[in-house]
Amino acid sequence: MTDETGKPLRKPPRQVTPAYLQRAALAYLERYASSAENLRRVLRRKVDKRCRLRGEDPAGFQDMIDEVVAKSLRTGLIDDTRYAEARVATLRRRGGSARAIQAKLSAKGVDRTAIAAALEGDEGDEEQAARAFARRRKLGPFRPGERAPNRDKDLAAMARAGFRFDVARDVIDWDPDEDPDG
């Protein structure tokens, strides 16, 4: 069978089943760490795409998605607290501010209490993260050449990254020669 242009017609994908959703969830979780809400969004997008291609209503599959997410929670495949702690540690090492980390985790669907607990349990502090950010972006003391003309730009970059002004000022004005261990 072909369409008007002579191209062969594509066969519609198979119907969404609980087994398909479970396989899709496992395949996703093999590659990525995820929160429960993020897994729910991923599965919802997969269902929406299949239903659009099949001409079905995706609302009827919400219970199946919820069951797969609940099963993943019960078996320990996803754990929002563990996910939040791991993301906080990673983002802190890369130079993430508490505000930026909170925004990223909120976007992934992690609740505020889990985020607050993960940030509180984090051994890295805001100033260490700010120094890591400045080092990565070559700001302040890590800038090659003259620092003074770019001080305001560097402070603005730190502020956009979510660091408080006092922390940003301390890092930008820090002299590694005077205080080698930070």
Protein backbone atom coordinates (compact mmCIF):
# COMPACT_ATOMS: atom_id res chain seq x y z
CA MET A 1 0.00 0.00 0.00
CA THR A 2 1.18 3.48 -0.84
CA ASP A 3 -0.05 7.02 -0.31
CA GLU A 4 -0.73 9.62 -3.02
CA THR A 5 2.99 10.36 -3.48
CA GLY A 6 3.92 6.71 -3.98
CA LYS A 7 5.60 6.28 -0.58
CA PRO A 8 4.73 3.14 1.33
CA LEU A 9 2.34 3.70 4.24
CA ARG A 10 3.83 3.31 7.70
CA LYS A 11 2.18 0.76 9.90
CA PRO A 12 0.88 2.37 13.13
CA PRO A 13 2.81 1.41 16.28
CA ARG A 14 1.46 -1.25 18.61
CA GLN A 15 -0.99 -0.30 21.32
CA VAL A 16 0.35 0.89 24.67
CA THR A 17 0.39 -1.93 27.23
CA PRO A 18 1.61 -2.15 30.82
CA ALA A 19 4.46 -4.41 29.63
CA TYR A 20 5.53 -1.79 27.05
CA LEU A 21 5.50 0.95 29.69
CA GLN A 22 7.53 -1.19 32.09
CA ARG A 23 10.12 -1.91 29.39
CA ALA A 24 10.26 1.78 28.46
CA ALA A 25 10.75 2.76 32.12
CA LEU A 26 13.54 0.19 32.60
CA ALA A 27 15.27 1.28 29.39
CA TYR A 28 15.15 4.91 30.51
CA LEU A 29 16.34 4.14 34.04
CA GLU A 30 19.24 2.07 32.69
CA ARG A 31 20.62 5.21 31.07
CA TYR A 32 19.54 8.01 33.41
CA ALA A 33 18.95 8.61 37.09
CA SER A 34 15.48 10.04 37.53
CA SER A 35 12.94 11.31 39.98
CA ALA A 36 9.46 9.79 40.10
CA GLU A 37 7.86 12.84 38.50
CA ASN A 38 10.46 12.96 35.73
CA LEU A 39 9.88 9.27 34.91
CA ARG A 40 6.15 9.97 34.83
CA ARG A 41 6.75 12.82 32.31
CA VAL A 42 8.96 10.62 30.12
CA LEU A 43 6.37 7.85 30.02
CA ARG A 44 3.59 10.36 29.38
CA ARG A 45 5.49 11.71 26.35
CA LYS A 46 5.95 8.18 25.00
CA VAL A 47 2.24 7.43 25.44
CA ASP A 48 1.26 10.76 23.85
CA LYS A 49 3.40 10.03 20.80
CA ARG A 50 2.05 6.51 20.32
CA CYS A 51 -1.53 7.64 20.84
CA ARG A 52 -1.09 10.49 18.35
CA LEU A 53 0.20 8.04 15.72
CA ARG A 54 -2.63 5.59 16.46
CA GLY A 55 -5.37 8.23 16.74
CA GLU A 56 -6.19 7.31 20.36
CA ASP A 57 -6.83 9.36 23.48
CA PRO A 58 -3.77 9.30 25.80
CA ALA A 59 -5.85 10.12 28.90
CA GLY A 60 -6.93 6.49 29.22
CA PHE A 61 -3.36 5.36 29.88
CA GLN A 62 -2.67 7.59 32.91
CA ASP A 63 -3.48 4.79 35.37
CA MET A 64 -0.99 2.48 33.64
CA ILE A 65 1.73 5.16 33.86
CA ASP A 66 0.98 5.72 37.56
CA GLU A 67 1.19 1.97 38.22
CA VAL A 68 4.58 1.66 36.49
CA VAL A 69 5.95 4.64 38.47
CA ALA A 70 4.54 3.20 41.73
CA LYS A 71 6.10 -0.19 40.96
CA SER A 72 9.46 1.50 40.25
CA LEU A 73 9.22 3.30 43.59
CA ARG A 74 8.32 0.08 45.45
CA THR A 75 11.21 -1.86 43.94
CA GLY A 76 13.69 0.93 44.61
CA LEU A 77 14.49 1.71 40.98
CA ILE A 78 13.71 5.35 41.70
CA ASP A 79 14.15 7.19 44.96
CA ASP A 80 13.71 10.98 44.96
CA THR A 81 15.82 11.47 48.09
CA ARG A 82 18.76 9.46 46.75
CA TYR A 83 18.40 11.18 43.36
CA ALA A 84 18.41 14.63 44.98
CA GLU A 85 21.51 13.83 47.06
CA ALA A 86 23.41 12.55 44.04
CA ARG A 87 22.44 15.56 41.88
CA VAL A 88 23.36 18.01 44.66
CA ALA A 89 26.81 16.43 45.00
CA THR A 90 27.39 16.51 41.24
CA LEU A 91 26.14 20.05 40.76
CA ARG A 92 28.13 21.33 43.76
CA ARG A 93 31.35 19.87 42.33
CA ARG A 94 30.63 21.64 39.05
CA GLY A 95 30.10 24.93 40.88
CA GLY A 96 26.32 25.07 41.23
CA SER A 97 24.79 27.52 43.68
CA ALA A 98 22.08 26.43 46.10
CA ARG A 99 19.52 28.45 44.14
CA ALA A 100 20.49 26.93 40.81
CA ILE A 101 20.46 23.42 42.26
CA GLN A 102 17.06 24.00 43.82
CA ALA A 103 15.68 25.22 40.48
CA LYS A 104 17.08 22.24 38.55
CA LEU A 105 15.73 19.70 41.01
CA SER A 106 12.34 21.43 41.13
CA ALA A 107 12.21 21.24 37.34
CA LYS A 108 12.76 17.48 37.60
CA GLY A 109 9.80 17.18 39.96
CA VAL A 110 11.63 16.62 43.25
CA ASP A 111 9.66 18.02 46.20
CA ARG A 112 10.98 20.91 48.30
CA THR A 113 11.59 18.87 51.46
CA ALA A 114 13.82 16.36 49.62
CA ILE A 115 15.73 19.24 48.00
CA ALA A 116 16.19 21.03 51.33
CA ALA A 117 17.36 17.82 53.02
CA ALA A 118 19.85 17.10 50.23
CA LEU A 119 21.23 20.64 50.30
CA GLU A 120 21.50 20.56 54.09
CA GLY A 121 23.28 17.21 54.07
CA ASP A 122 25.72 18.43 51.44
CA GLU A 123 29.22 18.73 52.86
CA GLY A 124 30.35 21.23 50.21
CA ASP A 125 29.54 24.81 51.00
CA GLU A 126 28.45 27.71 48.84
CA GLU A 127 31.91 29.31 48.74
CA GLN A 128 33.58 26.12 47.51
CA ALA A 129 30.94 25.83 44.80
CA ALA A 130 31.45 29.49 43.87
CA ARG A 131 35.21 28.93 43.56
CA ALA A 132 34.62 25.88 41.37
CA PHE A 133 32.28 27.94 39.18
CA ALA A 134 34.78 30.79 38.93
CA ARG A 135 37.59 28.35 38.09
CA ARG A 136 35.50 26.66 35.39
CA ARG A 137 34.43 29.98 33.85
CA LYS A 138 37.84 31.65 34.40
CA LEU A 139 36.44 34.48 36.51
CA GLY A 140 38.17 36.67 39.10
CA PRO A 141 41.42 35.15 40.36
CA PHE A 142 41.29 32.47 37.64
CA ARG A 143 41.11 35.02 34.81
CA PRO A 144 44.29 35.25 32.74
CA GLY A 145 45.64 38.77 32.52
CA GLU A 146 44.22 41.85 34.22
CA ARG A 147 41.33 41.21 36.66
CA ALA A 148 40.23 44.71 37.68
CA PRO A 149 38.55 45.87 34.44
CA ASN A 150 36.34 42.75 34.40
CA ARG A 151 35.36 42.72 38.07
CA ASP A 152 31.76 43.91 37.47
CA LYS A 153 31.29 41.41 34.63
CA ASP A 154 32.59 38.61 36.83
CA LEU A 155 30.28 39.60 39.70
CA ALA A 156 27.34 39.69 37.28
CA ALA A 157 28.19 36.20 35.99
CA MET A 158 28.30 34.90 39.56
CA ALA A 159 24.95 36.55 40.34
CA ARG A 160 23.34 35.03 37.24
CA ALA A 161 24.59 31.64 38.43
CA GLY A 162 22.63 32.18 41.66
CA PHE A 163 25.37 33.05 44.13
CA ARG A 164 24.72 35.65 46.84
CA PHE A 165 26.56 38.95 46.40
CA ASP A 166 28.76 38.52 49.47
CA VAL A 167 29.90 35.06 48.35
CA ALA A 168 30.50 36.26 44.78
CA ARG A 169 32.46 39.29 46.00
CA ASP A 170 34.63 37.15 48.29
CA VAL A 171 35.47 34.74 45.45
CA ILE A 172 36.08 37.41 42.80
CA ASP A 173 38.27 39.48 45.15
CA TRP A 174 40.06 36.41 46.58
CA ASP A 175 43.83 36.38 46.15
CA PRO A 176 45.15 32.80 45.97
CA ASP A 177 48.69 34.00 46.70
CA GLU A 178 47.70 35.34 50.13
CA ASP A 179 45.40 32.45 51.12
CA PRO A 180 46.55 29.25 49.31
CA ASP A 181 44.09 26.79 50.95
CA GLY A 182 41.05 28.97 50.47
